[in-house]
Amino acid sequence: MKIPSPCIDVCKYKYKNHCIGCSMTKIQKKTFKKLSTLNQKKNFLNFIINQQTFLGRFKHWEKVYEKKCIKERLNFKKPFI
C-alpha cells in the first residue's frame, strides 16, 4: 500500500507558518518526503490529522485528500493505522 503525501497542492503558509491546505509546515513537508517505510508514513499521516484537529480550520483537507487517494487508486481509510 502506498501513502501519498498529505499535501493537497495549496502551499500557502498563512496560518502560523502552517499551510492553509494541509496544515503542514515546510519542514514537515520535507520530512514526509524522506520517510521510507509504510509504518513511518502512516504514523506521520496520523500526526498530521491530529495536528489539523488541534489547529482547526482544515475540514476541507479530508475530502481533497480522499480524492487524491482515489485518483491514485488507493484506499482511503481514517485513521491510517
N, C-alpha and C. Protein backbone atom coordinates (compact mmCIF):
# COMPACT_ATOMS: atom_id res chain seq x y z
N MET A 1 0.85 -1.19 0.00
CA MET A 1 0.00 0.00 0.00
C MET A 1 0.88 1.24 0.00
N LYS A 2 0.57 2.15 -0.85
CA LYS A 2 1.30 3.41 -0.94
C LYS A 2 0.51 4.48 -0.20
N ILE A 3 1.21 5.39 0.43
CA ILE A 3 0.56 6.51 1.12
C ILE A 3 1.05 7.81 0.48
N PRO A 4 0.15 8.53 -0.19
CA PRO A 4 0.56 9.79 -0.79
C PRO A 4 0.79 10.87 0.27
N SER A 5 1.53 11.86 -0.12
CA SER A 5 1.79 12.98 0.77
C SER A 5 0.48 13.63 1.21
N PRO A 6 0.42 14.11 2.45
CA PRO A 6 -0.77 14.83 2.92
C PRO A 6 -0.97 16.17 2.20
N CYS A 7 0.04 16.62 1.46
CA CYS A 7 -0.05 17.88 0.73
C CYS A 7 -1.15 17.79 -0.32
N ILE A 8 -1.99 18.83 -0.40
CA ILE A 8 -3.06 18.87 -1.39
C ILE A 8 -2.83 20.01 -2.39
N ASP A 9 -1.58 20.43 -2.52
CA ASP A 9 -1.14 21.39 -3.54
C ASP A 9 -1.75 22.79 -3.39
N VAL A 10 -1.92 23.23 -2.17
CA VAL A 10 -2.33 24.61 -1.91
C VAL A 10 -1.08 25.44 -1.61
N CYS A 11 -0.27 24.97 -0.68
CA CYS A 11 1.05 25.52 -0.35
C CYS A 11 1.06 27.03 -0.11
N LYS A 12 0.23 27.47 0.80
CA LYS A 12 0.23 28.87 1.25
C LYS A 12 0.36 28.84 2.77
N TYR A 13 1.45 29.38 3.24
CA TYR A 13 1.80 29.30 4.67
C TYR A 13 1.33 30.56 5.39
N LYS A 14 0.02 30.69 5.53
CA LYS A 14 -0.55 31.90 6.10
C LYS A 14 -1.08 31.70 7.51
N TYR A 15 -1.07 30.50 8.01
CA TYR A 15 -1.66 30.23 9.32
C TYR A 15 -0.58 29.73 10.27
N LYS A 16 0.05 30.65 10.97
CA LYS A 16 1.10 30.32 11.95
C LYS A 16 2.19 29.44 11.34
N ASN A 17 2.65 29.79 10.14
CA ASN A 17 3.67 29.04 9.40
C ASN A 17 3.22 27.64 8.97
N HIS A 18 1.93 27.40 9.00
CA HIS A 18 1.36 26.14 8.54
C HIS A 18 0.59 26.41 7.25
N CYS A 19 0.65 25.45 6.34
CA CYS A 19 -0.08 25.57 5.09
C CYS A 19 -1.58 25.60 5.35
N ILE A 20 -2.28 26.48 4.66
CA ILE A 20 -3.73 26.58 4.85
C ILE A 20 -4.47 25.41 4.20
N GLY A 21 -3.77 24.61 3.39
CA GLY A 21 -4.39 23.45 2.74
C GLY A 21 -4.29 22.18 3.55
N CYS A 22 -3.08 21.88 4.05
CA CYS A 22 -2.86 20.58 4.70
C CYS A 22 -2.40 20.68 6.16
N SER A 23 -2.07 21.85 6.61
CA SER A 23 -1.62 22.16 7.98
C SER A 23 -0.13 21.90 8.20
N MET A 24 0.58 21.39 7.19
CA MET A 24 2.00 21.10 7.39
C MET A 24 2.85 22.36 7.26
N THR A 25 3.96 22.34 7.96
CA THR A 25 4.98 23.37 7.79
C THR A 25 5.89 22.93 6.65
N LYS A 26 6.75 23.82 6.19
CA LYS A 26 7.70 23.45 5.13
C LYS A 26 8.61 22.31 5.59
N ILE A 27 9.02 22.34 6.84
CA ILE A 27 9.88 21.28 7.37
C ILE A 27 9.14 19.95 7.39
N GLN A 28 7.87 19.96 7.77
CA GLN A 28 7.09 18.72 7.79
C GLN A 28 6.94 18.15 6.38
N LYS A 29 6.74 19.02 5.39
CA LYS A 29 6.62 18.55 4.01
C LYS A 29 7.91 17.88 3.55
N LYS A 30 9.04 18.47 3.90
CA LYS A 30 10.34 17.87 3.55
C LYS A 30 10.54 16.55 4.29
N THR A 31 10.10 16.50 5.53
CA THR A 31 10.24 15.29 6.34
C THR A 31 9.47 14.13 5.73
N PHE A 32 8.24 14.38 5.30
CA PHE A 32 7.43 13.30 4.73
C PHE A 32 8.13 12.69 3.52
N LYS A 33 8.74 13.51 2.70
CA LYS A 33 9.43 13.02 1.51
C LYS A 33 10.59 12.09 1.85
N LYS A 34 11.17 12.25 3.04
CA LYS A 34 12.31 11.44 3.45
C LYS A 34 11.91 10.13 4.12
N LEU A 35 10.66 9.98 4.47
CA LEU A 35 10.21 8.75 5.13
C LEU A 35 10.23 7.60 4.14
N SER A 36 10.71 6.45 4.61
CA SER A 36 10.88 5.33 3.67
C SER A 36 9.95 4.15 3.92
N THR A 37 9.48 3.96 5.13
CA THR A 37 8.64 2.79 5.40
C THR A 37 7.17 3.17 5.46
N LEU A 38 6.35 2.20 5.18
CA LEU A 38 4.91 2.39 5.24
C LEU A 38 4.47 2.81 6.64
N ASN A 39 5.04 2.17 7.66
CA ASN A 39 4.68 2.48 9.04
C ASN A 39 5.03 3.92 9.40
N GLN A 40 6.19 4.39 8.95
CA GLN A 40 6.58 5.78 9.21
C GLN A 40 5.59 6.75 8.56
N LYS A 41 5.19 6.45 7.34
CA LYS A 41 4.25 7.32 6.64
C LYS A 41 2.87 7.32 7.29
N LYS A 42 2.42 6.14 7.74
CA LYS A 42 1.13 6.06 8.43
C LYS A 42 1.16 6.87 9.72
N ASN A 43 2.23 6.72 10.49
CA ASN A 43 2.35 7.47 11.74
C ASN A 43 2.41 8.97 11.48
N PHE A 44 3.12 9.37 10.46
CA PHE A 44 3.22 10.79 10.13
C PHE A 44 1.85 11.33 9.71
N LEU A 45 1.13 10.57 8.90
CA LEU A 45 -0.19 10.99 8.44
C LEU A 45 -1.15 11.13 9.62
N ASN A 46 -1.10 10.20 10.55
CA ASN A 46 -1.94 10.32 11.75
C ASN A 46 -1.54 11.54 12.57
N PHE A 47 -0.25 11.84 12.63
CA PHE A 47 0.21 13.04 13.32
C PHE A 47 -0.38 14.29 12.65
N ILE A 48 -0.37 14.34 11.33
CA ILE A 48 -0.90 15.49 10.60
C ILE A 48 -2.39 15.63 10.84
N ILE A 49 -3.12 14.53 10.86
CA ILE A 49 -4.56 14.58 11.13
C ILE A 49 -4.81 15.14 12.53
N ASN A 50 -4.03 14.69 13.51
CA ASN A 50 -4.16 15.22 14.87
C ASN A 50 -3.78 16.69 14.93
N GLN A 51 -2.77 17.06 14.18
CA GLN A 51 -2.34 18.47 14.13
C GLN A 51 -3.46 19.33 13.55
N GLN A 52 -4.13 18.84 12.52
CA GLN A 52 -5.23 19.59 11.92
C GLN A 52 -6.36 19.79 12.92
N THR A 53 -6.64 18.77 13.69
CA THR A 53 -7.67 18.86 14.70
C THR A 53 -7.30 19.91 15.75
N PHE A 54 -6.06 19.90 16.16
CA PHE A 54 -5.58 20.85 17.16
C PHE A 54 -5.61 22.28 16.62
N LEU A 55 -5.16 22.46 15.39
CA LEU A 55 -5.11 23.80 14.80
C LEU A 55 -6.48 24.28 14.32
N GLY A 56 -7.35 23.34 13.95
CA GLY A 56 -8.66 23.71 13.41
C GLY A 56 -8.52 24.23 11.98
N ARG A 57 -9.63 24.59 11.37
CA ARG A 57 -9.67 25.23 10.05
C ARG A 57 -9.24 24.36 8.88
N PHE A 58 -9.14 23.08 9.01
CA PHE A 58 -8.67 22.23 7.91
C PHE A 58 -9.71 21.17 7.54
N LYS A 59 -10.97 21.47 7.71
CA LYS A 59 -12.03 20.49 7.47
C LYS A 59 -12.11 20.07 6.00
N HIS A 60 -11.70 20.92 5.10
CA HIS A 60 -11.73 20.62 3.66
C HIS A 60 -10.67 19.59 3.26
N TRP A 61 -9.62 19.47 4.04
CA TRP A 61 -8.48 18.62 3.68
C TRP A 61 -8.90 17.17 3.44
N GLU A 62 -9.70 16.62 4.32
CA GLU A 62 -10.03 15.20 4.23
C GLU A 62 -10.67 14.85 2.90
N LYS A 63 -11.62 15.67 2.43
CA LYS A 63 -12.29 15.39 1.15
C LYS A 63 -11.31 15.49 -0.02
N VAL A 64 -10.46 16.49 0.00
CA VAL A 64 -9.49 16.66 -1.09
C VAL A 64 -8.46 15.52 -1.07
N TYR A 65 -8.00 15.15 0.11
CA TYR A 65 -7.03 14.05 0.23
C TYR A 65 -7.66 12.73 -0.21
N GLU A 66 -8.92 12.51 0.14
CA GLU A 66 -9.61 11.30 -0.28
C GLU A 66 -9.67 11.23 -1.81
N LYS A 67 -9.97 12.34 -2.47
CA LYS A 67 -10.00 12.37 -3.93
C LYS A 67 -8.62 12.06 -4.51
N LYS A 68 -7.57 12.58 -3.85
CA LYS A 68 -6.20 12.31 -4.28
C LYS A 68 -5.91 10.81 -4.20
N CYS A 69 -6.33 10.18 -3.13
CA CYS A 69 -6.12 8.74 -2.96
C CYS A 69 -6.89 7.94 -4.00
N ILE A 70 -8.12 8.33 -4.26
CA ILE A 70 -8.95 7.64 -5.25
C ILE A 70 -8.32 7.78 -6.64
N LYS A 71 -7.83 8.97 -6.95
CA LYS A 71 -7.18 9.20 -8.24
C LYS A 71 -5.96 8.29 -8.42
N GLU A 72 -5.25 8.04 -7.34
CA GLU A 72 -4.07 7.17 -7.38
C GLU A 72 -4.45 5.71 -7.12
N ARG A 73 -5.75 5.44 -7.08
CA ARG A 73 -6.29 4.09 -6.87
C ARG A 73 -5.84 3.47 -5.56
N LEU A 74 -5.92 4.26 -4.51
CA LEU A 74 -5.53 3.80 -3.19
C LEU A 74 -6.74 3.85 -2.26
N ASN A 75 -6.74 2.99 -1.27
CA ASN A 75 -7.80 3.02 -0.28
C ASN A 75 -7.59 4.19 0.66
N PHE A 76 -8.67 4.87 0.98
CA PHE A 76 -8.61 5.98 1.93
C PHE A 76 -9.39 5.56 3.16
N LYS A 77 -8.67 5.34 4.23
CA LYS A 77 -9.31 4.95 5.49
C LYS A 77 -8.75 5.82 6.59
N LYS A 78 -9.61 6.33 7.40
CA LYS A 78 -9.20 7.16 8.53
C LYS A 78 -9.63 6.45 9.79
N PRO A 79 -8.80 6.30 10.78
CA PRO A 79 -7.38 6.69 10.83
C PRO A 79 -6.52 5.72 10.04
N PHE A 80 -5.32 6.12 9.78
CA PHE A 80 -4.41 5.36 8.94
C PHE A 80 -3.52 4.45 9.79
N ILE A 81 -4.12 3.62 10.58
CA ILE A 81 -3.37 2.75 11.48
C ILE A 81 -3.22 1.38 10.86
